[in-house]
C-alpha atoms as a PDB file:
ATOM      1  CA  MET A   1     165.037 105.647  16.984  1.00  0.00           C
ATOM      2  CA  THR A   2     168.508 105.561  15.540  1.00  0.00           C
ATOM      3  CA  SER A   3     170.098 102.464  14.019  1.00  0.00           C
ATOM      4  CA  THR A   4     172.434 102.223  17.017  1.00  0.00           C
ATOM      5  CA  GLN A   5     169.531 102.247  19.400  1.00  0.00           C
ATOM      6  CA  ARG A   6     167.759  99.547  17.415  1.00  0.00           C
ATOM      7  CA  GLU A   7     170.811  97.470  17.486  1.00  0.00           C
ATOM      8  CA  THR A   8     171.199  97.763  21.156  1.00  0.00           C
ATOM      9  CA  GLN A   9     167.532  96.975  21.642  1.00  0.00           C
ATOM     10  CA  ARG A  10     167.888  93.837  19.652  1.00  0.00           C
ATOM     11  CA  GLU A  11     170.911  92.655  21.542  1.00  0.00           C
ATOM     12  CA  THR A  12     169.096  93.227  24.921  1.00  0.00           C
ATOM     13  CA  GLN A  13     166.073  91.019  23.947  1.00  0.00           C
ATOM     14  CA  HIS A  14     165.598  87.582  25.241  1.00  0.00           C
ATOM     15  CA  GLU A  15     167.703  85.320  23.156  1.00  0.00           C
ATOM     16  CA  ASP A  16     165.521  82.308  23.416  1.00  0.00           C
ATOM     17  CA  GLY A  17     163.004  84.009  21.199  1.00  0.00           C
ATOM     18  CA  PRO A  18     163.206  84.619  17.339  1.00  0.00           C
ATOM     19  CA  ALA A  19     165.676  87.483  17.771  1.00  0.00           C
ATOM     20  CA  HIS A  20     169.314  87.158  16.727  1.00  0.00           C
ATOM     21  CA  PRO A  21     169.112  84.444  14.075  1.00  0.00           C
ATOM     22  CA  LEU A  22     172.652  85.415  13.190  1.00  0.00           C
ATOM     23  CA  ALA A  23     173.827  84.226  16.555  1.00  0.00           C
ATOM     24  CA  ALA A  24     171.315  81.275  16.989  1.00  0.00           C
ATOM     25  CA  LEU A  25     171.839  79.536  13.543  1.00  0.00           C
ATOM     26  CA  PRO A  26     175.627  79.281  13.415  1.00  0.00           C
ATOM     27  CA  ALA A  27     175.848  78.276  17.053  1.00  0.00           C
ATOM     28  CA  LYS A  28     173.085  75.609  16.662  1.00  0.00           C
ATOM     29  CA  VAL A  29     174.777  74.181  13.663  1.00  0.00           C
ATOM     30  CA  GLY A  30     178.179  74.190  15.487  1.00  0.00           C
ATOM     31  CA  GLY A  31     176.480  72.459  18.421  1.00  0.00           C
ATOM     32  CA  ALA A  32     174.976  69.848  16.278  1.00  0.00           C
ATOM     33  CA  VAL A  33     178.314  69.052  14.653  1.00  0.00           C
ATOM     34  CA  ILE A  34     179.974  68.863  17.898  1.00  0.00           C
ATOM     35  CA  ALA A  35     177.223  66.547  19.317  1.00  0.00           C
ATOM     36  CA  THR A  36     177.523  64.307  16.319  1.00  0.00           C
ATOM     37  CA  ALA A  37     181.383  64.122  16.545  1.00  0.00           C
ATOM     38  CA  VAL A  38     181.091  63.219  20.248  1.00  0.00           C
ATOM     39  CA  ARG A  39     178.610  60.364  19.487  1.00  0.00           C
ATOM     40  CA  GLY A  40     180.751  59.079  16.681  1.00  0.00           C
ATOM     41  CA  LEU A  41     183.957  59.164  18.524  1.00  0.00           C
ATOM     42  CA  ALA A  42     182.491  57.594  21.653  1.00  0.00           C
ATOM     43  CA  ALA A  43     181.196  54.742  19.536  1.00  0.00           C
ATOM     44  CA  VAL A  44     184.462  54.044  17.730  1.00  0.00           C
ATOM     45  CA  ARG A  45     186.915  55.063  20.277  1.00  0.00           C
ATOM     46  CA  PRO A  46     185.758  54.632  24.004  1.00  0.00           C
ATOM     47  CA  ALA A  47     188.183  56.808  26.022  1.00  0.00           C
ATOM     48  CA  GLU A  48     188.335  58.582  29.262  1.00  0.00           C
ATOM     49  CA  LYS A  49     187.511  61.663  27.189  1.00  0.00           C
ATOM     50  CA  PRO A  50     185.919  61.085  23.731  1.00  0.00           C
ATOM     51  CA  MET A  51     186.351  64.676  22.921  1.00  0.00           C
ATOM     52  CA  HIS A  52     189.672  66.464  23.876  1.00  0.00           C
ATOM     53  CA  PRO A  53     191.242  63.178  24.899  1.00  0.00           C
ATOM     54  CA  THR A  54     194.825  64.358  25.110  1.00  0.00           C
ATOM     55  CA  GLY A  55     195.962  67.427  26.974  1.00  0.00           C
ATOM     56  CA  ARG A  56     197.887  68.841  29.911  1.00  0.00           C
ATOM     57  CA  VAL A  57     196.763  70.406  33.048  1.00  0.00           C
ATOM     58  CA  LEU A  58     198.348  73.733  34.325  1.00  0.00           C
ATOM     59  CA  ARG A  59     198.057  76.013  37.180  1.00  0.00           C
ATOM     60  CA  GLY A  60     196.928  79.659  36.309  1.00  0.00           C
ATOM     61  CA  ARG A  61     196.747  83.213  37.778  1.00  0.00           C
ATOM     62  CA  LEU A  62     193.957  85.035  36.356  1.00  0.00           C
ATOM     63  CA  GLU A  63     194.422  88.779  36.718  1.00  0.00           C
ATOM     64  CA  ARG A  64     191.163  90.784  35.922  1.00  0.00           C
ATOM     65  CA  HIS A  65     191.706  94.354  35.184  1.00  0.00           C
ATOM     66  CA  GLY A  66     188.083  95.343  34.871  1.00  0.00           C
ATOM     67  CA  LEU A  67     186.243  96.881  31.987  1.00  0.00           C
ATOM     68  CA  GLU A  68     184.915 100.496  31.408  1.00  0.00           C
ATOM     69  CA  PRO A  69     182.237 100.789  30.325  1.00  0.00           C
ATOM     70  CA  GLY A  70     181.222  97.422  31.769  1.00  0.00           C
ATOM     71  CA  ILE A  71     178.713  94.830  30.560  1.00  0.00           C
ATOM     72  CA  GLY A  72     176.884  94.434  34.016  1.00  0.00           C
ATOM     73  CA  VAL A  73     178.963  91.264  34.911  1.00  0.00           C
ATOM     74  CA  PRO A  74     181.172  91.616  37.968  1.00  0.00           C
ATOM     75  CA  PHE A  75     183.595  88.941  36.791  1.00  0.00           C
ATOM     76  CA  VAL A  76     184.215  90.913  33.661  1.00  0.00           C
ATOM     77  CA  ASP A  77     183.769  94.455  35.020  1.00  0.00           C
ATOM     78  CA  ARG A  78     185.583  94.332  38.293  1.00  0.00           C
ATOM     79  CA  ALA A  79     189.300  94.036  38.980  1.00  0.00           C
ATOM     80  CA  GLY A  80     190.446  90.884  40.884  1.00  0.00           C
ATOM     81  CA  VAL A  81     192.848  87.953  40.973  1.00  0.00           C
ATOM     82  CA  ASP A  82     191.829  84.272  40.751  1.00  0.00           C
ATOM     83  CA  GLU A  83     193.876  81.184  41.153  1.00  0.00           C
ATOM     84  CA  VAL A  84     192.663  78.811  38.560  1.00  0.00           C
ATOM     85  CA  VAL A  85     193.245  75.369  36.959  1.00  0.00           C
ATOM     86  CA  ALA A  86     193.527  75.239  33.164  1.00  0.00           C
ATOM     87  CA  ARG A  87     193.762  72.440  30.619  1.00  0.00           C
ATOM     88  CA  GLU A  88     195.131  72.712  27.106  1.00  0.00           C
ATOM     89  CA  SER A  89     193.954  69.934  24.750  1.00  0.00           C
ATOM     90  CA  LYS A  90     193.285  68.645  21.278  1.00  0.00           C
ATOM     91  CA  GLY A  91     189.734  68.139  20.501  1.00  0.00           C
ATOM     92  CA  VAL A  92     190.122  65.060  18.265  1.00  0.00           C
ATOM     93  CA  GLY A  93     193.469  63.915  19.311  1.00  0.00           C
ATOM     94  CA  LEU A  94     195.280  63.773  16.018  1.00  0.00           C
ATOM     95  CA  PRO A  95     199.016  63.092  15.763  1.00  0.00           C
ATOM     96  CA  LEU A  96     201.449  65.858  16.225  1.00  0.00           C
ATOM     97  CA  GLY A  97     201.678  68.320  13.218  1.00  0.00           C
ATOM     98  CA  LEU A  98     198.136  67.618  12.006  1.00  0.00           C
ATOM     99  CA  PRO A  99     195.581  70.505  12.340  1.00  0.00           C
ATOM    100  CA  ASP A 100     193.298  69.799  15.178  1.00  0.00           C
ATOM    101  CA  ILE A 101     190.616  71.651  17.148  1.00  0.00           C
ATOM    102  CA  HIS A 102     192.479  72.969  20.214  1.00  0.00           C
ATOM    103  CA  GLY A 103     190.748  73.808  23.412  1.00  0.00           C
ATOM    104  CA  LEU A 104     191.440  75.767  26.528  1.00  0.00           C
ATOM    105  CA  ALA A 105     189.461  75.060  29.727  1.00  0.00           C
ATOM    106  CA  ILE A 106     189.518  77.232  32.718  1.00  0.00           C
ATOM    107  CA  ARG A 107     188.125  76.305  36.132  1.00  0.00           C
ATOM    108  CA  VAL A 108     187.514  79.480  38.359  1.00  0.00           C
ATOM    109  CA  PRO A 109     186.690  78.811  42.099  1.00  0.00           C
ATOM    110  CA  LEU A 110     183.622  80.560  43.280  1.00  0.00           C
ATOM    111  CA  GLY A 111     182.879  81.961  46.774  1.00  0.00           C
ATOM    112  CA  SER A 112     185.223  80.764  49.475  1.00  0.00           C
ATOM    113  CA  ALA A 113     186.359  77.697  47.513  1.00  0.00           C
ATOM    114  CA  THR A 114     190.130  77.172  46.998  1.00  0.00           C
ATOM    115  CA  VAL A 115     191.596  76.156  43.719  1.00  0.00           C
ATOM    116  CA  ASP A 116     192.235  72.661  45.032  1.00  0.00           C
ATOM    117  CA  GLU A 117     188.735  72.288  46.259  1.00  0.00           C
ATOM    118  CA  ALA A 118     187.406  73.460  42.921  1.00  0.00           C
ATOM    119  CA  ARG A 119     189.674  71.033  41.017  1.00  0.00           C
ATOM    120  CA  GLY A 120     188.592  68.088  43.267  1.00  0.00           C
ATOM    121  CA  GLY A 121     184.949  68.950  42.821  1.00  0.00           C
ATOM    122  CA  SER A 122     184.193  69.759  46.449  1.00  0.00           C
ATOM    123  CA  GLY A 123     184.116  73.540  46.058  1.00  0.00           C
ATOM    124  CA  ARG A 124     181.919  75.745  43.883  1.00  0.00           C
ATOM    125  CA  HIS A 125     183.466  76.639  40.583  1.00  0.00           C
ATOM    126  CA  ALA A 126     182.704  77.897  37.097  1.00  0.00           C
ATOM    127  CA  ASP A 127     184.102  76.241  33.874  1.00  0.00           C
ATOM    128  CA  LEU A 128     184.975  78.375  30.854  1.00  0.00           C
ATOM    129  CA  LEU A 129     185.665  76.446  27.768  1.00  0.00           C
ATOM    130  CA  PHE A 130     187.334  77.868  24.621  1.00  0.00           C
ATOM    131  CA  SER A 131     187.996  76.376  21.228  1.00  0.00           C
ATOM    132  CA  THR A 132     190.181  77.426  18.294  1.00  0.00           C
ATOM    133  CA  ASN A 133     187.699  79.712  16.256  1.00  0.00           C
ATOM    134  CA  GLY A 134     187.682  82.687  14.015  1.00  0.00           C
ATOM    135  CA  TRP A 135     187.874  86.104  15.415  1.00  0.00           C
ATOM    136  CA  GLY A 136     185.524  88.084  13.131  1.00  0.00           C
ATOM    137  CA  PRO A 137     181.849  88.865  13.411  1.00  0.00           C
ATOM    138  CA  VAL A 138     180.821  85.607  11.724  1.00  0.00           C
ATOM    139  CA  THR A 139     183.925  83.337  12.116  1.00  0.00           C
ATOM    140  CA  ARG A 140     183.760  83.735  15.910  1.00  0.00           C
ATOM    141  CA  PHE A 141     180.877  81.229  15.844  1.00  0.00           C
ATOM    142  CA  LEU A 142     182.797  78.690  13.746  1.00  0.00           C
ATOM    143  CA  VAL A 143     185.232  76.077  14.940  1.00  0.00           C
ATOM    144  CA  VAL A 144     188.567  76.358  13.095  1.00  0.00           C
ATOM    145  CA  PRO A 145     191.246  73.608  13.225  1.00  0.00           C
ATOM    146  CA  SER A 146     194.741  74.967  14.015  1.00  0.00           C
ATOM    147  CA  ALA A 147     198.232  73.641  13.743  1.00  0.00           C
ATOM    148  CA  GLY A 148     199.096  74.411  17.221  1.00  0.00           C
ATOM    149  CA  MET A 149     197.684  75.663  20.661  1.00  0.00           C
ATOM    150  CA  THR A 150     198.858  79.223  20.308  1.00  0.00           C
ATOM    151  CA  THR A 151     198.564  79.866  16.583  1.00  0.00           C
ATOM    152  CA  ARG A 152     194.782  80.897  16.493  1.00  0.00           C
ATOM    153  CA  PRO A 153     192.468  82.683  18.745  1.00  0.00           C
ATOM    154  CA  LEU A 154     189.838  80.833  20.770  1.00  0.00           C
ATOM    155  CA  THR A 155     186.205  81.692  21.716  1.00  0.00           C
ATOM    156  CA  THR A 156     183.442  80.177  23.827  1.00  0.00           C
ATOM    157  CA  LEU A 157     181.561  79.639  20.532  1.00  0.00           C
ATOM    158  CA  PHE A 158     178.193  80.062  22.096  1.00  0.00           C
ATOM    159  CA  PRO A 159     176.999  83.407  23.676  1.00  0.00           C
ATOM    160  CA  TYR A 160     176.385  84.007  27.233  1.00  0.00           C
ATOM    161  CA  ARG A 161     173.358  86.062  28.575  1.00  0.00           C
ATOM    162  CA  SER A 162     174.525  89.456  30.141  1.00  0.00           C
ATOM    163  CA  PRO A 163     172.500  92.468  31.208  1.00  0.00           C
ATOM    164  CA  ARG A 164     173.827  94.171  28.088  1.00  0.00           C
ATOM    165  CA  GLY A 165     172.789  91.332  25.725  1.00  0.00           C
ATOM    166  CA  PRO A 166     174.455  88.306  24.364  1.00  0.00           C
ATOM    167  CA  VAL A 167     178.282  88.237  24.759  1.00  0.00           C
ATOM    168  CA  LEU A 168     181.102  85.769  23.884  1.00  0.00           C
ATOM    169  CA  LEU A 169     184.413  85.353  25.711  1.00  0.00           C
ATOM    170  CA  GLY A 170     187.561  84.994  23.745  1.00  0.00           C
ATOM    171  CA  ALA A 171     191.263  84.016  24.402  1.00  0.00           C
ATOM    172  CA  ARG A 172     194.470  84.930  22.455  1.00  0.00           C
ATOM    173  CA  TYR A 173     197.911  83.633  23.297  1.00  0.00           C
ATOM    174  CA  VAL A 174     200.538  86.311  23.659  1.00  0.00           C
ATOM    175  CA  ASP A 175     203.026  83.520  24.235  1.00  0.00           C
ATOM    176  CA  GLU A 176     202.897  79.939  25.504  1.00  0.00           C
ATOM    177  CA  ARG A 177     202.316  80.967  29.183  1.00  0.00           C
ATOM    178  CA  HIS A 178     200.418  84.248  28.618  1.00  0.00           C
ATOM    179  CA  VAL A 179     196.741  84.410  27.456  1.00  0.00           C
ATOM    180  CA  GLU A 180     194.591  87.588  27.104  1.00  0.00           C
ATOM    181  CA  LEU A 181     190.936  87.113  27.823  1.00  0.00           C
ATOM    182  CA  GLY A 182     188.425  89.433  26.038  1.00  0.00           C
ATOM    183  CA  VAL A 183     184.727  89.905  25.743  1.00  0.00           C
ATOM    184  CA  ALA A 184     182.613  90.880  22.664  1.00  0.00           C
ATOM    185  CA  GLY A 185     178.966  91.194  21.555  1.00  0.00           C
ATOM    186  CA  LEU A 186     177.657  89.343  18.544  1.00  0.00           C
ATOM    187  CA  ARG A 187     179.368  91.653  16.068  1.00  0.00           C
ATOM    188  CA  SER A 188     181.268  94.257  18.230  1.00  0.00           C
ATOM    189  CA  ASP A 189     185.029  94.496  18.697  1.00  0.00           C
ATOM    190  CA  TRP A 190     186.785  92.367  21.313  1.00  0.00           C
ATOM    191  CA  ARG A 191     187.793  94.126  24.532  1.00  0.00           C
ATOM    192  CA  VAL A 192     190.536  92.582  26.777  1.00  0.00           C
ATOM    193  CA  PHE A 193     189.500  92.443  30.461  1.00  0.00           C
ATOM    194  CA  ALA A 194     192.027  89.949  31.980  1.00  0.00           C
ATOM    195  CA  ASP A 195     195.464  88.223  31.633  1.00  0.00           C
ATOM    196  CA  LEU A 196     196.003  84.531  32.415  1.00  0.00           C
ATOM    197  CA  HIS A 197     199.387  83.455  33.376  1.00  0.00           C
ATOM    198  CA  LEU A 198     199.970  79.757  33.131  1.00  0.00           C
ATOM    199  CA  GLU A 199     202.625  77.403  34.564  1.00  0.00           C
ATOM    200  CA  LEU A 200     203.107  73.676  34.624  1.00  0.00           C
ATOM    201  CA  GLU A 201     201.778  72.017  37.744  1.00  0.00           C
ATOM    202  CA  GLU A 202     205.107  70.662  39.043  1.00  0.00           C
ATOM    203  CA  PRO A 203     207.536  73.430  39.927  1.00  0.00           C
ATOM    204  CA  GLY A 204     210.552  73.260  37.631  1.00  0.00           C
ATOM    205  CA  ALA A 205     208.839  70.670  35.402  1.00  0.00           C
ATOM    206  CA  THR A 206     210.023  70.237  31.810  1.00  0.00           C
ATOM    207  CA  GLY A 207     208.350  68.890  28.747  1.00  0.00           C
ATOM    208  CA  ASP A 208     204.595  69.047  27.982  1.00  0.00           C
ATOM    209  CA  GLY A 209     203.369  68.618  31.585  1.00  0.00           C
ATOM    210  CA  THR A 210     201.021  65.938  32.762  1.00  0.00           C
ATOM    211  CA  ASP A 211     197.277  65.411  32.168  1.00  0.00           C
ATOM    212  CA  ASP A 212     194.515  64.384  34.591  1.00  0.00           C
ATOM    213  CA  PRO A 213     191.855  62.064  33.170  1.00  0.00           C
ATOM    214  CA  GLU A 214     189.719  62.618  36.369  1.00  0.00           C
ATOM    215  CA  LEU A 215     189.401  66.384  35.670  1.00  0.00           C
ATOM    216  CA  GLU A 216     186.179  67.057  33.861  1.00  0.00           C
ATOM    217  CA  PHE A 217     185.087  70.421  32.689  1.00  0.00           C
ATOM    218  CA  ASP A 218     181.317  71.129  31.981  1.00  0.00           C
ATOM    219  CA  ALA A 219     180.356  74.666  30.844  1.00  0.00           C
ATOM    220  CA  ILE A 220     176.559  73.931  31.343  1.00  0.00           C
ATOM    221  CA  LEU A 221     176.568  72.432  34.900  1.00  0.00           C
ATOM    222  CA  ASN A 222     179.359  74.950  36.136  1.00  0.00           C
ATOM    223  CA  GLU A 223     178.453  78.268  34.746  1.00  0.00           C
ATOM    224  CA  LEU A 224     179.269  81.749  36.116  1.00  0.00           C
ATOM    225  CA  PRO A 225     176.237  82.785  38.237  1.00  0.00           C
ATOM    226  CA  GLU A 226     176.275  86.266  36.727  1.00  0.00           C
ATOM    227  CA  LEU A 227     176.968  85.045  33.121  1.00  0.00           C
ATOM    228  CA  PRO A 228     174.441  82.128  32.449  1.00  0.00           C
ATOM    229  CA  ASN A 229     173.984  80.137  29.432  1.00  0.00           C
ATOM    230  CA  TYR A 230     170.835  80.753  27.352  1.00  0.00           C
ATOM    231  CA  ASP A 231     168.247  77.960  27.489  1.00  0.00           C
ATOM    232  CA  TRP A 232     168.709  77.146  23.795  1.00  0.00           C
ATOM    233  CA  VAL A 233     172.391  76.790  24.345  1.00  0.00           C
ATOM    234  CA  ARG A 234     171.813  74.436  27.254  1.00  0.00           C
ATOM    235  CA  ARG A 235     169.563  72.308  24.933  1.00  0.00           C
ATOM    236  CA  VAL A 236     172.103  72.297  22.221  1.00  0.00           C
ATOM    237  CA  ARG A 237     175.178  71.403  24.429  1.00  0.00           C
ATOM    238  CA  ALA A 238     173.678  69.213  27.113  1.00  0.00           C
ATOM    239  CA  PRO A 239     173.310  66.088  24.870  1.00  0.00           C
ATOM    240  CA  SER A 240     177.155  66.174  23.941  1.00  0.00           C
ATOM    241  CA  TYR A 241     178.087  66.343  27.610  1.00  0.00           C
ATOM    242  CA  ALA A 242     175.789  63.455  28.478  1.00  0.00           C
ATOM    243  CA  VAL A 243     177.306  61.440  25.742  1.00  0.00           C
ATOM    244  CA  ALA A 244     180.796  62.143  26.887  1.00  0.00           C
ATOM    245  CA  ARG A 245     180.001  61.324  30.587  1.00  0.00           C
ATOM    246  CA  SER A 246     178.355  58.079  29.506  1.00  0.00           C
ATOM    247  CA  SER A 247     181.495  57.215  27.415  1.00  0.00           C
ATOM    248  CA  ARG A 248     183.682  57.804  30.519  1.00  0.00           C
ATOM    249  CA  ARG A 249     181.630  55.445  32.598  1.00  0.00           C
END
């Protein structure tokens, strides 16, 4: 068996087992840091959103070009267009000019749901959450503060389960209204499969746009059916979401 074949075999094994310590360890450490931060912020700063408290909501058009060779996931492999809702935010909510953990959340309607139904919670949808991270084989698992929303790449931090093994999704701003979405394995190069075009919700609106404190994103409860979370990822992330929801109530 060649080294390439061995690598492919390792990447297609069940991630909940002992395989992939490179992926599991940084992600678990990152998850623990996030959960601790959420608990601390919820205790000292009760808010509508203890993490990512400030942001703006935008409409988006997600143009998926498809991928060849694919990864066995229709959302990534097949071309299509989705009307989505997105939110750009600051993870800690520090004053303007200070480095912060920036986030991009994208809500994709599923099935026959419209974008308005998905936003209101009455239609099926999937939530994709990205944070400013590194882009390399190791740093893609590490949260990195940035001075602005568009100055660093963003990744999902945690891998998803695909038929070809664990993959991450990533986002890079081409400009303030154009975001490229890519996919990569644990150590492979990124491949762009879609373009996200954003606009402020109010036609002709100026300034930074408006936020919606009632809009909640949850990457665990609202996952893509063909790109599920690993069980260990759910165990790491679920407590943070529970703390956030409790703080909101």
